[in-house]
Amino acid sequence: MAINSNIPDSMRNKPCPCGSELKAKHCHADPIKLQVCSQIAKLYMMKLIVEERKKRGLEPYLFTCKKCGKGTDQPRKSEIAGNVLLCPDKNCNGTVKQNEKPKEEKKEDSQENSIILKG
């Protein structure tokens, strides 16, 4: 029984290129494990993005629920009104608002034009 994967047969018994120290056939060649790995990588990347936003003084999430106050980057779409975004927590069902981007302050040149006189 052949497994459909994007890894050639010659690579199946070699270590997986992802660095897991497993054979490729037991790691990224397995479609179920590949899907789980992709989901974990996506969650980890979202966590890194939130941390980076906090470091830069930005809102950690793009949306905030008006009812429960939870932040999210992936709100649900309302099944009734497609343009209404809902809290991802199905127990809440509150609507979300998009967080405002901070306004850029104009940097004024603090140096005044001065004339140097040589005597």
Foldseek 3Di string as FASTA:
>chain_A
DDQDFPDDPVQQQPQDPVPPRHGCVVARRHVVNVVVVVVVVVVVVLVVQLVVCVVVVHHSAQKAFPFPGDGHNDFDADPVDRVWTAHPPPVGRGTIDTDDTDDDDDDDDPDDDDDDDDD
